[in-house]
Amino acid sequence: MPHSNISRAPRQNLTERVLQAKTAKNLTWAGLAEGTGLSVVYVTAALLGQHPLPEAVAEVVAERLGLDRDAVAELQTIPLRGNVEDVSNDPTIYRFEPPRVSRR
């Protein structure tokens, strides 16, 4: 059963680990997505913390990156989307935000 995060911290920490491992192993996003049955864009966005991965895909990419079982579980967790603290990037929540007027 998928679970969701209540803060951005766990997924941000995992994203840092993903990026470090990807760089250290000289991997590409296309290489990480290869054979998963998902698009490169989908896998990339998931690894950057924007949505969960199915268990089988999380296991494949975690193995390629050399990540542990905790990372596999976190990759399956529904993250709080968006990286900006002030305004949510989640489409459902964003609709309820009041319009912001830019003052110059």
PDB file of N, CA and C in Angstrom:
ATOM      1  N   MET A   1       0.843  -1.168   0.000  1.00  0.00           N
ATOM      2  CA  MET A   1       0.000   0.000   0.000  1.00  0.00           C
ATOM      3  C   MET A   1       0.897   1.243   0.000  1.00  0.00           C
ATOM      4  N   PRO A   2       0.639   2.200  -0.890  1.00  0.00           N
ATOM      5  CA  PRO A   2       1.464   3.405  -0.910  1.00  0.00           C
ATOM      6  C   PRO A   2       1.200   4.286   0.309  1.00  0.00           C
ATOM      7  N   HIS A   3       2.235   4.886   0.780  1.00  0.00           N
ATOM      8  CA  HIS A   3       2.138   5.836   1.885  1.00  0.00           C
ATOM      9  C   HIS A   3       2.564   7.192   1.367  1.00  0.00           C
ATOM     10  N   SER A   4       2.278   8.236   2.130  1.00  0.00           N
ATOM     11  CA  SER A   4       2.694   9.566   1.692  1.00  0.00           C
ATOM     12  C   SER A   4       3.549  10.228   2.761  1.00  0.00           C
ATOM     13  N   ASN A   5       4.386  11.141   2.314  1.00  0.00           N
ATOM     14  CA  ASN A   5       5.237  11.896   3.226  1.00  0.00           C
ATOM     15  C   ASN A   5       4.459  13.066   3.810  1.00  0.00           C
ATOM     16  N   ILE A   6       4.867  13.497   5.002  1.00  0.00           N
ATOM     17  CA  ILE A   6       4.243  14.672   5.601  1.00  0.00           C
ATOM     18  C   ILE A   6       5.179  15.874   5.560  1.00  0.00           C
ATOM     19  N   SER A   7       6.384  15.659   5.069  1.00  0.00           N
ATOM     20  CA  SER A   7       7.318  16.769   4.866  1.00  0.00           C
ATOM     21  C   SER A   7       8.139  16.484   3.616  1.00  0.00           C
ATOM     22  N   ARG A   8       8.814  17.491   3.137  1.00  0.00           N
ATOM     23  CA  ARG A   8       9.631  17.338   1.932  1.00  0.00           C
ATOM     24  C   ARG A   8      11.013  16.746   2.235  1.00  0.00           C
ATOM     25  N   ALA A   9      11.422  16.786   3.486  1.00  0.00           N
ATOM     26  CA  ALA A   9      12.785  16.410   3.861  1.00  0.00           C
ATOM     27  C   ALA A   9      13.198  14.999   3.430  1.00  0.00           C
ATOM     28  N   PRO A  10      12.397  13.958   3.686  1.00  0.00           N
ATOM     29  CA  PRO A  10      12.855  12.616   3.293  1.00  0.00           C
ATOM     30  C   PRO A  10      13.116  12.500   1.795  1.00  0.00           C
ATOM     31  N   ARG A  11      12.238  13.065   1.000  1.00  0.00           N
ATOM     32  CA  ARG A  11      12.398  12.941  -0.449  1.00  0.00           C
ATOM     33  C   ARG A  11      13.535  13.825  -0.947  1.00  0.00           C
ATOM     34  N   GLN A  12      13.725  15.000  -0.335  1.00  0.00           N
ATOM     35  CA  GLN A  12      14.848  15.853  -0.722  1.00  0.00           C
ATOM     36  C   GLN A  12      16.173  15.172  -0.406  1.00  0.00           C
ATOM     37  N   ASN A  13      16.247  14.521   0.750  1.00  0.00           N
ATOM     38  CA  ASN A  13      17.468  13.788   1.109  1.00  0.00           C
ATOM     39  C   ASN A  13      17.729  12.649   0.125  1.00  0.00           C
ATOM     40  N   LEU A  14      16.671  11.929  -0.239  1.00  0.00           N
ATOM     41  CA  LEU A  14      16.828  10.840  -1.198  1.00  0.00           C
ATOM     42  C   LEU A  14      17.241  11.380  -2.564  1.00  0.00           C
ATOM     43  N   THR A  15      16.669  12.496  -2.976  1.00  0.00           N
ATOM     44  CA  THR A  15      17.035  13.097  -4.265  1.00  0.00           C
ATOM     45  C   THR A  15      18.518  13.448  -4.290  1.00  0.00           C
ATOM     46  N   GLU A  16      19.040  13.978  -3.189  1.00  0.00           N
ATOM     47  CA  GLU A  16      20.476  14.274  -3.109  1.00  0.00           C
ATOM     48  C   GLU A  16      21.295  12.993  -3.274  1.00  0.00           C
ATOM     49  N   ARG A  17      20.874  11.926  -2.608  1.00  0.00           N
ATOM     50  CA  ARG A  17      21.586  10.644  -2.723  1.00  0.00           C
ATOM     51  C   ARG A  17      21.522  10.108  -4.146  1.00  0.00           C
ATOM     52  N   VAL A  18      20.360  10.234  -4.787  1.00  0.00           N
ATOM     53  CA  VAL A  18      20.193   9.780  -6.174  1.00  0.00           C
ATOM     54  C   VAL A  18      21.146  10.537  -7.082  1.00  0.00           C
ATOM     55  N   LEU A  19      21.182  11.857  -6.953  1.00  0.00           N
ATOM     56  CA  LEU A  19      22.044  12.671  -7.813  1.00  0.00           C
ATOM     57  C   LEU A  19      23.523  12.369  -7.578  1.00  0.00           C
ATOM     58  N   GLN A  20      23.908  12.169  -6.320  1.00  0.00           N
ATOM     59  CA  GLN A  20      25.300  11.833  -6.019  1.00  0.00           C
ATOM     60  C   GLN A  20      25.676  10.480  -6.619  1.00  0.00           C
ATOM     61  N   ALA A  21      24.805   9.487  -6.463  1.00  0.00           N
ATOM     62  CA  ALA A  21      25.086   8.152  -7.004  1.00  0.00           C
ATOM     63  C   ALA A  21      25.103   8.173  -8.529  1.00  0.00           C
ATOM     64  N   LYS A  22      24.184   8.907  -9.130  1.00  0.00           N
ATOM     65  CA  LYS A  22      24.120   9.007 -10.591  1.00  0.00           C
ATOM     66  C   LYS A  22      25.414   9.594 -11.133  1.00  0.00           C
ATOM     67  N   THR A  23      25.901  10.634 -10.478  1.00  0.00           N
ATOM     68  CA  THR A  23      27.148  11.273 -10.899  1.00  0.00           C
ATOM     69  C   THR A  23      28.339  10.348 -10.669  1.00  0.00           C
ATOM     70  N   ALA A  24      28.410   9.746  -9.487  1.00  0.00           N
ATOM     71  CA  ALA A  24      29.541   8.874  -9.149  1.00  0.00           C
ATOM     72  C   ALA A  24      29.638   7.670 -10.083  1.00  0.00           C
ATOM     73  N   LYS A  25      28.496   7.151 -10.511  1.00  0.00           N
ATOM     74  CA  LYS A  25      28.482   5.971 -11.382  1.00  0.00           C
ATOM     75  C   LYS A  25      28.398   6.340 -12.862  1.00  0.00           C
ATOM     76  N   ASN A  26      28.395   7.648 -13.142  1.00  0.00           N
ATOM     77  CA  ASN A  26      28.342   8.150 -14.520  1.00  0.00           C
ATOM     78  C   ASN A  26      27.147   7.567 -15.288  1.00  0.00           C
ATOM     79  N   LEU A  27      25.982   7.585 -14.633  1.00  0.00           N
ATOM     80  CA  LEU A  27      24.760   7.063 -15.239  1.00  0.00           C
ATOM     81  C   LEU A  27      23.977   8.183 -15.909  1.00  0.00           C
ATOM     82  N   THR A  28      23.112   7.812 -16.828  1.00  0.00           N
ATOM     83  CA  THR A  28      22.220   8.778 -17.473  1.00  0.00           C
ATOM     84  C   THR A  28      20.792   8.487 -17.028  1.00  0.00           C
ATOM     85  N   TRP A  29      19.925   9.486 -17.198  1.00  0.00           N
ATOM     86  CA  TRP A  29      18.514   9.266 -16.881  1.00  0.00           C
ATOM     87  C   TRP A  29      17.953   8.167 -17.777  1.00  0.00           C
ATOM     88  N   ALA A  30      18.345   8.179 -19.040  1.00  0.00           N
ATOM     89  CA  ALA A  30      17.877   7.150 -19.975  1.00  0.00           C
ATOM     90  C   ALA A  30      18.347   5.765 -19.532  1.00  0.00           C
ATOM     91  N   GLY A  31      19.578   5.673 -19.066  1.00  0.00           N
ATOM     92  CA  GLY A  31      20.106   4.401 -18.585  1.00  0.00           C
ATOM     93  C   GLY A  31      19.374   3.903 -17.353  1.00  0.00           C
ATOM     94  N   LEU A  32      19.004   4.823 -16.472  1.00  0.00           N
ATOM     95  CA  LEU A  32      18.260   4.436 -15.273  1.00  0.00           C
ATOM     96  C   LEU A  32      16.851   3.961 -15.622  1.00  0.00           C
ATOM     97  N   ALA A  33      16.251   4.567 -16.637  1.00  0.00           N
ATOM     98  CA  ALA A  33      14.881   4.217 -17.022  1.00  0.00           C
ATOM     99  C   ALA A  33      14.813   2.983 -17.916  1.00  0.00           C
ATOM    100  N   GLU A  34      15.940   2.617 -18.508  1.00  0.00           N
ATOM    101  CA  GLU A  34      15.965   1.504 -19.462  1.00  0.00           C
ATOM    102  C   GLU A  34      15.435   0.211 -18.843  1.00  0.00           C
ATOM    103  N   GLY A  35      14.518  -0.423 -19.558  1.00  0.00           N
ATOM    104  CA  GLY A  35      13.979  -1.706 -19.124  1.00  0.00           C
ATOM    105  C   GLY A  35      12.928  -1.632 -18.030  1.00  0.00           C
ATOM    106  N   THR A  36      12.541  -0.430 -17.621  1.00  0.00           N
ATOM    107  CA  THR A  36      11.547  -0.298 -16.555  1.00  0.00           C
ATOM    108  C   THR A  36      10.120  -0.317 -17.084  1.00  0.00           C
ATOM    109  N   GLY A  37       9.971  -0.065 -18.389  1.00  0.00           N
ATOM    110  CA  GLY A  37       8.632   0.035 -18.955  1.00  0.00           C
ATOM    111  C   GLY A  37       8.012   1.405 -18.773  1.00  0.00           C
ATOM    112  N   LEU A  38       8.760   2.314 -18.159  1.00  0.00           N
ATOM    113  CA  LEU A  38       8.286   3.684 -17.959  1.00  0.00           C
ATOM    114  C   LEU A  38       9.145   4.632 -18.785  1.00  0.00           C
ATOM    115  N   SER A  39       8.607   5.795 -19.085  1.00  0.00           N
ATOM    116  CA  SER A  39       9.355   6.762 -19.888  1.00  0.00           C
ATOM    117  C   SER A  39      10.511   7.353 -19.089  1.00  0.00           C
ATOM    118  N   VAL A  40      11.489   7.847 -19.809  1.00  0.00           N
ATOM    119  CA  VAL A  40      12.633   8.516 -19.179  1.00  0.00           C
ATOM    120  C   VAL A  40      12.145   9.699 -18.348  1.00  0.00           C
ATOM    121  N   VAL A  41      11.194  10.448 -18.889  1.00  0.00           N
ATOM    122  CA  VAL A  41      10.673  11.626 -18.188  1.00  0.00           C
ATOM    123  C   VAL A  41      10.019  11.220 -16.872  1.00  0.00           C
ATOM    124  N   TYR A  42       9.226  10.167 -16.885  1.00  0.00           N
ATOM    125  CA  TYR A  42       8.538   9.715 -15.679  1.00  0.00           C
ATOM    126  C   TYR A  42       9.536   9.270 -14.615  1.00  0.00           C
ATOM    127  N   VAL A  43      10.485   8.449 -15.003  1.00  0.00           N
ATOM    128  CA  VAL A  43      11.475   7.940 -14.046  1.00  0.00           C
ATOM    129  C   VAL A  43      12.326   9.085 -13.506  1.00  0.00           C
ATOM    130  N   THR A  44      12.726   9.996 -14.380  1.00  0.00           N
ATOM    131  CA  THR A  44      13.524  11.144 -13.945  1.00  0.00           C
ATOM    132  C   THR A  44      12.759  11.974 -12.927  1.00  0.00           C
ATOM    133  N   ALA A  45      11.511  12.305 -13.234  1.00  0.00           N
ATOM    134  CA  ALA A  45      10.703  13.102 -12.307  1.00  0.00           C
ATOM    135  C   ALA A  45      10.533  12.387 -10.970  1.00  0.00           C
ATOM    136  N   ALA A  46      10.335  11.082 -11.010  1.00  0.00           N
ATOM    137  CA  ALA A  46      10.191  10.324  -9.766  1.00  0.00           C
ATOM    138  C   ALA A  46      11.482  10.351  -8.954  1.00  0.00           C
ATOM    139  N   LEU A  47      12.617  10.174  -9.627  1.00  0.00           N
ATOM    140  CA  LEU A  47      13.902  10.192  -8.922  1.00  0.00           C
ATOM    141  C   LEU A  47      14.240  11.580  -8.393  1.00  0.00           C
ATOM    142  N   LEU A  48      13.649  12.608  -8.980  1.00  0.00           N
ATOM    143  CA  LEU A  48      13.840  13.974  -8.487  1.00  0.00           C
ATOM    144  C   LEU A  48      12.780  14.353  -7.453  1.00  0.00           C
ATOM    145  N   GLY A  49      11.974  13.382  -7.036  1.00  0.00           N
ATOM    146  CA  GLY A  49      11.068  13.577  -5.913  1.00  0.00           C
ATOM    147  C   GLY A  49       9.684  14.084  -6.231  1.00  0.00           C
ATOM    148  N   GLN A  50       9.217  13.928  -7.462  1.00  0.00           N
ATOM    149  CA  GLN A  50       7.917  14.482  -7.806  1.00  0.00           C
ATOM    150  C   GLN A  50       6.767  13.481  -7.778  1.00  0.00           C
ATOM    151  N   HIS A  51       7.036  12.199  -7.792  1.00  0.00           N
ATOM    152  CA  HIS A  51       5.992  11.183  -7.659  1.00  0.00           C
ATOM    153  C   HIS A  51       6.630   9.828  -7.343  1.00  0.00           C
ATOM    154  N   PRO A  52       5.812   8.863  -6.931  1.00  0.00           N
ATOM    155  CA  PRO A  52       6.354   7.553  -6.557  1.00  0.00           C
ATOM    156  C   PRO A  52       6.626   6.665  -7.761  1.00  0.00           C
ATOM    157  N   LEU A  53       7.416   5.645  -7.523  1.00  0.00           N
ATOM    158  CA  LEU A  53       7.668   4.609  -8.529  1.00  0.00           C
ATOM    159  C   LEU A  53       7.014   3.310  -8.076  1.00  0.00           C
ATOM    160  N   PRO A  54       6.584   2.478  -9.021  1.00  0.00           N
ATOM    161  CA  PRO A  54       6.113   1.139  -8.647  1.00  0.00           C
ATOM    162  C   PRO A  54       7.261   0.348  -8.002  1.00  0.00           C
ATOM    163  N   GLU A  55       6.925  -0.612  -7.165  1.00  0.00           N
ATOM    164  CA  GLU A  55       7.932  -1.367  -6.417  1.00  0.00           C
ATOM    165  C   GLU A  55       9.007  -1.979  -7.310  1.00  0.00           C
ATOM    166  N   ALA A  56       8.601  -2.638  -8.388  1.00  0.00           N
ATOM    167  CA  ALA A  56       9.574  -3.303  -9.265  1.00  0.00           C
ATOM    168  C   ALA A  56      10.549  -2.302  -9.881  1.00  0.00           C
ATOM    169  N   VAL A  57      10.046  -1.146 -10.277  1.00  0.00           N
ATOM    170  CA  VAL A  57      10.901  -0.114 -10.878  1.00  0.00           C
ATOM    171  C   VAL A  57      11.808   0.492  -9.814  1.00  0.00           C
ATOM    172  N   ALA A  58      11.271   0.734  -8.621  1.00  0.00           N
ATOM    173  CA  ALA A  58      12.084   1.279  -7.527  1.00  0.00           C
ATOM    174  C   ALA A  58      13.255   0.346  -7.220  1.00  0.00           C
ATOM    175  N   GLU A  59      13.006  -0.952  -7.235  1.00  0.00           N
ATOM    176  CA  GLU A  59      14.071  -1.923  -6.970  1.00  0.00           C
ATOM    177  C   GLU A  59      15.140  -1.892  -8.057  1.00  0.00           C
ATOM    178  N   VAL A  60      14.716  -1.791  -9.316  1.00  0.00           N
ATOM    179  CA  VAL A  60      15.663  -1.766 -10.440  1.00  0.00           C
ATOM    180  C   VAL A  60      16.551  -0.531 -10.380  1.00  0.00           C
ATOM    181  N   VAL A  61      15.944   0.643 -10.239  1.00  0.00           N
ATOM    182  CA  VAL A  61      16.757   1.868 -10.253  1.00  0.00           C
ATOM    183  C   VAL A  61      17.614   1.979  -8.997  1.00  0.00           C
ATOM    184  N   ALA A  62      17.103   1.511  -7.862  1.00  0.00           N
ATOM    185  CA  ALA A  62      17.903   1.543  -6.632  1.00  0.00           C
ATOM    186  C   ALA A  62      19.131   0.652  -6.770  1.00  0.00           C
ATOM    187  N   GLU A  63      18.960  -0.510  -7.392  1.00  0.00           N
ATOM    188  CA  GLU A  63      20.107  -1.401  -7.613  1.00  0.00           C
ATOM    189  C   GLU A  63      21.130  -0.731  -8.526  1.00  0.00           C
ATOM    190  N   ARG A  64      20.673  -0.103  -9.594  1.00  0.00           N
ATOM    191  CA  ARG A  64      21.585   0.572 -10.519  1.00  0.00           C
ATOM    192  C   ARG A  64      22.332   1.710  -9.841  1.00  0.00           C
ATOM    193  N   LEU A  65      21.661   2.361  -8.893  1.00  0.00           N
ATOM    194  CA  LEU A  65      22.277   3.486  -8.185  1.00  0.00           C
ATOM    195  C   LEU A  65      23.051   3.044  -6.944  1.00  0.00           C
ATOM    196  N   GLY A  66      22.890   1.788  -6.535  1.00  0.00           N
ATOM    197  CA  GLY A  66      23.553   1.301  -5.330  1.00  0.00           C
ATOM    198  C   GLY A  66      22.900   1.808  -4.055  1.00  0.00           C
ATOM    199  N   LEU A  67      21.585   1.987  -4.091  1.00  0.00           N
ATOM    200  CA  LEU A  67      20.848   2.479  -2.926  1.00  0.00           C
ATOM    201  C   LEU A  67      20.310   1.314  -2.101  1.00  0.00           C
ATOM    202  N   ASP A  68      20.049   1.567  -0.825  1.00  0.00           N
ATOM    203  CA  ASP A  68      19.608   0.522   0.098  1.00  0.00           C
ATOM    204  C   ASP A  68      18.093   0.296   0.058  1.00  0.00           C
ATOM    205  N   ARG A  69      17.632  -0.659   0.893  1.00  0.00           N
ATOM    206  CA  ARG A  69      16.200  -1.010   0.949  1.00  0.00           C
ATOM    207  C   ARG A  69      15.345   0.158   1.426  1.00  0.00           C
ATOM    208  N   ASP A  70      15.880   0.991   2.307  1.00  0.00           N
ATOM    209  CA  ASP A  70      15.119   2.164   2.755  1.00  0.00           C
ATOM    210  C   ASP A  70      14.841   3.099   1.586  1.00  0.00           C
ATOM    211  N   ALA A  71      15.810   3.232   0.692  1.00  0.00           N
ATOM    212  CA  ALA A  71      15.625   4.078  -0.491  1.00  0.00           C
ATOM    213  C   ALA A  71      14.562   3.486  -1.407  1.00  0.00           C
ATOM    214  N   VAL A  72      14.550   2.159  -1.534  1.00  0.00           N
ATOM    215  CA  VAL A  72      13.526   1.498  -2.354  1.00  0.00           C
ATOM    216  C   VAL A  72      12.138   1.827  -1.805  1.00  0.00           C
ATOM    217  N   ALA A  73      11.990   1.752  -0.498  1.00  0.00           N
ATOM    218  CA  ALA A  73      10.700   2.069   0.132  1.00  0.00           C
ATOM    219  C   ALA A  73      10.340   3.536  -0.077  1.00  0.00           C
ATOM    220  N   GLU A  74      11.310   4.421   0.083  1.00  0.00           N
ATOM    221  CA  GLU A  74      11.051   5.859  -0.080  1.00  0.00           C
ATOM    222  C   GLU A  74      10.678   6.200  -1.517  1.00  0.00           C
ATOM    223  N   LEU A  75      11.276   5.517  -2.478  1.00  0.00           N
ATOM    224  CA  LEU A  75      10.936   5.766  -3.888  1.00  0.00           C
ATOM    225  C   LEU A  75       9.483   5.404  -4.193  1.00  0.00           C
ATOM    226  N   GLN A  76       8.879   4.568  -3.367  1.00  0.00           N
ATOM    227  CA  GLN A  76       7.481   4.177  -3.557  1.00  0.00           C
ATOM    228  C   GLN A  76       6.512   5.070  -2.792  1.00  0.00           C
ATOM    229  N   THR A  77       7.041   5.959  -1.974  1.00  0.00           N
ATOM    230  CA  THR A  77       6.223   6.832  -1.145  1.00  0.00           C
ATOM    231  C   THR A  77       5.737   8.032  -1.949  1.00  0.00           C
ATOM    232  N   ILE A  78       4.497   8.410  -1.729  1.00  0.00           N
ATOM    233  CA  ILE A  78       3.932   9.571  -2.416  1.00  0.00           C
ATOM    234  C   ILE A  78       4.513  10.825  -1.771  1.00  0.00           C
ATOM    235  N   PRO A  79       5.278  11.619  -2.526  1.00  0.00           N
ATOM    236  CA  PRO A  79       5.926  12.793  -1.939  1.00  0.00           C
ATOM    237  C   PRO A  79       5.008  14.005  -1.893  1.00  0.00           C
ATOM    238  N   LEU A  80       5.385  14.962  -1.054  1.00  0.00           N
ATOM    239  CA  LEU A  80       4.774  16.282  -1.159  1.00  0.00           C
ATOM    240  C   LEU A  80       5.413  16.910  -2.379  1.00  0.00           C
ATOM    241  N   ARG A  81       4.619  17.260  -3.358  1.00  0.00           N
ATOM    242  CA  ARG A  81       5.184  17.748  -4.610  1.00  0.00           C
ATOM    243  C   ARG A  81       5.540  19.218  -4.529  1.00  0.00           C
ATOM    244  N   GLY A  82       6.492  19.583  -5.377  1.00  0.00           N
ATOM    245  CA  GLY A  82       6.920  20.968  -5.464  1.00  0.00           C
ATOM    246  C   GLY A  82       8.096  21.236  -4.558  1.00  0.00           C
ATOM    247  N   ASN A  83       8.962  22.099  -4.993  1.00  0.00           N
ATOM    248  CA  ASN A  83      10.158  22.412  -4.224  1.00  0.00           C
ATOM    249  C   ASN A  83      10.123  23.799  -3.608  1.00  0.00           C
ATOM    250  N   VAL A  84       9.065  24.552  -3.863  1.00  0.00           N
ATOM    251  CA  VAL A  84       8.945  25.900  -3.320  1.00  0.00           C
ATOM    252  C   VAL A  84       8.078  25.831  -2.076  1.00  0.00           C
ATOM    253  N   GLU A  85       8.598  26.313  -0.970  1.00  0.00           N
ATOM    254  CA  GLU A  85       7.873  26.225   0.293  1.00  0.00           C
ATOM    255  C   GLU A  85       6.660  27.143   0.342  1.00  0.00           C
ATOM    256  N   ASP A  86       6.724  28.301  -0.327  1.00  0.00           N
ATOM    257  CA  ASP A  86       5.686  29.313  -0.201  1.00  0.00           C
ATOM    258  C   ASP A  86       4.381  28.916  -0.884  1.00  0.00           C
ATOM    259  N   VAL A  87       4.456  28.448  -2.107  1.00  0.00           N
ATOM    260  CA  VAL A  87       3.259  28.098  -2.868  1.00  0.00           C
ATOM    261  C   VAL A  87       3.377  26.649  -3.322  1.00  0.00           C
ATOM    262  N   SER A  88       2.343  25.883  -3.064  1.00  0.00           N
ATOM    263  CA  SER A  88       2.357  24.478  -3.458  1.00  0.00           C
ATOM    264  C   SER A  88       2.308  24.334  -4.968  1.00  0.00           C
ATOM    265  N   ASN A  89       3.042  23.359  -5.485  1.00  0.00           N
ATOM    266  CA  ASN A  89       2.988  23.034  -6.904  1.00  0.00           C
ATOM    267  C   ASN A  89       2.031  21.883  -7.165  1.00  0.00           C
ATOM    268  N   ASP A  90       1.440  21.362  -6.103  1.00  0.00           N
ATOM    269  CA  ASP A  90       0.449  20.314  -6.277  1.00  0.00           C
ATOM    270  C   ASP A  90      -0.784  20.953  -6.904  1.00  0.00           C
ATOM    271  N   PRO A  91      -1.232  20.475  -8.070  1.00  0.00           N
ATOM    272  CA  PRO A  91      -2.336  21.130  -8.770  1.00  0.00           C
ATOM    273  C   PRO A  91      -3.612  21.271  -7.950  1.00  0.00           C
ATOM    274  N   THR A  92      -3.910  20.286  -7.119  1.00  0.00           N
ATOM    275  CA  THR A  92      -5.134  20.367  -6.324  1.00  0.00           C
ATOM    276  C   THR A  92      -5.034  21.471  -5.279  1.00  0.00           C
ATOM    277  N   ILE A  93      -3.916  21.536  -4.590  1.00  0.00           N
ATOM    278  CA  ILE A  93      -3.733  22.548  -3.552  1.00  0.00           C
ATOM    279  C   ILE A  93      -3.542  23.926  -4.169  1.00  0.00           C
ATOM    280  N   TYR A  94      -2.819  23.991  -5.277  1.00  0.00           N
ATOM    281  CA  TYR A  94      -2.527  25.272  -5.921  1.00  0.00           C
ATOM    282  C   TYR A  94      -3.805  26.022  -6.285  1.00  0.00           C
ATOM    283  N   ARG A  95      -4.846  25.309  -6.654  1.00  0.00           N
ATOM    284  CA  ARG A  95      -6.113  25.953  -7.040  1.00  0.00           C
ATOM    285  C   ARG A  95      -6.707  26.775  -5.904  1.00  0.00           C
ATOM    286  N   PHE A  96      -6.392  26.423  -4.676  1.00  0.00           N
ATOM    287  CA  PHE A  96      -6.943  27.136  -3.531  1.00  0.00           C
ATOM    288  C   PHE A  96      -6.077  28.309  -3.068  1.00  0.00           C
ATOM    289  N   GLU A  97      -4.916  28.478  -3.669  1.00  0.00           N
ATOM    290  CA  GLU A  97      -4.043  29.597  -3.312  1.00  0.00           C
ATOM    291  C   GLU A  97      -4.622  30.897  -3.869  1.00  0.00           C
ATOM    292  N   PRO A  98      -4.597  31.967  -3.089  1.00  0.00           N
ATOM    293  CA  PRO A  98      -5.077  33.247  -3.628  1.00  0.00           C
ATOM    294  C   PRO A  98      -4.107  33.766  -4.683  1.00  0.00           C
ATOM    295  N   PRO A  99      -4.604  34.547  -5.640  1.00  0.00           N
ATOM    296  CA  PRO A  99      -3.698  35.105  -6.652  1.00  0.00           C
ATOM    297  C   PRO A  99      -2.668  36.016  -5.995  1.00  0.00           C
ATOM    298  N   ARG A 100      -1.493  36.017  -6.534  1.00  0.00           N
ATOM    299  CA  ARG A 100      -0.427  36.854  -5.982  1.00  0.00           C
ATOM    300  C   ARG A 100      -0.135  37.973  -6.959  1.00  0.00           C
ATOM    301  N   VAL A 101      -0.088  39.169  -6.442  1.00  0.00           N
ATOM    302  CA  VAL A 101       0.163  40.341  -7.270  1.00  0.00           C
ATOM    303  C   VAL A 101       1.618  40.736  -7.103  1.00  0.00           C
ATOM    304  N   SER A 102       2.291  40.881  -8.213  1.00  0.00           N
ATOM    305  CA  SER A 102       3.687  41.295  -8.182  1.00  0.00           C
ATOM    306  C   SER A 102       3.760  42.808  -8.050  1.00  0.00           C
ATOM    307  N   ARG A 103       4.515  43.269  -7.079  1.00  0.00           N
ATOM    308  CA  ARG A 103       4.688  44.719  -6.883  1.00  0.00           C
ATOM    309  C   ARG A 103       6.117  45.076  -7.208  1.00  0.00           C
ATOM    310  N   ARG A 104       6.261  45.998  -8.118  1.00  0.00           N
ATOM    311  CA  ARG A 104       7.608  46.402  -8.521  1.00  0.00           C
ATOM    312  C   ARG A 104       7.921  47.776  -8.068  1.00  0.00           C
TER     313      ARG A 104
END
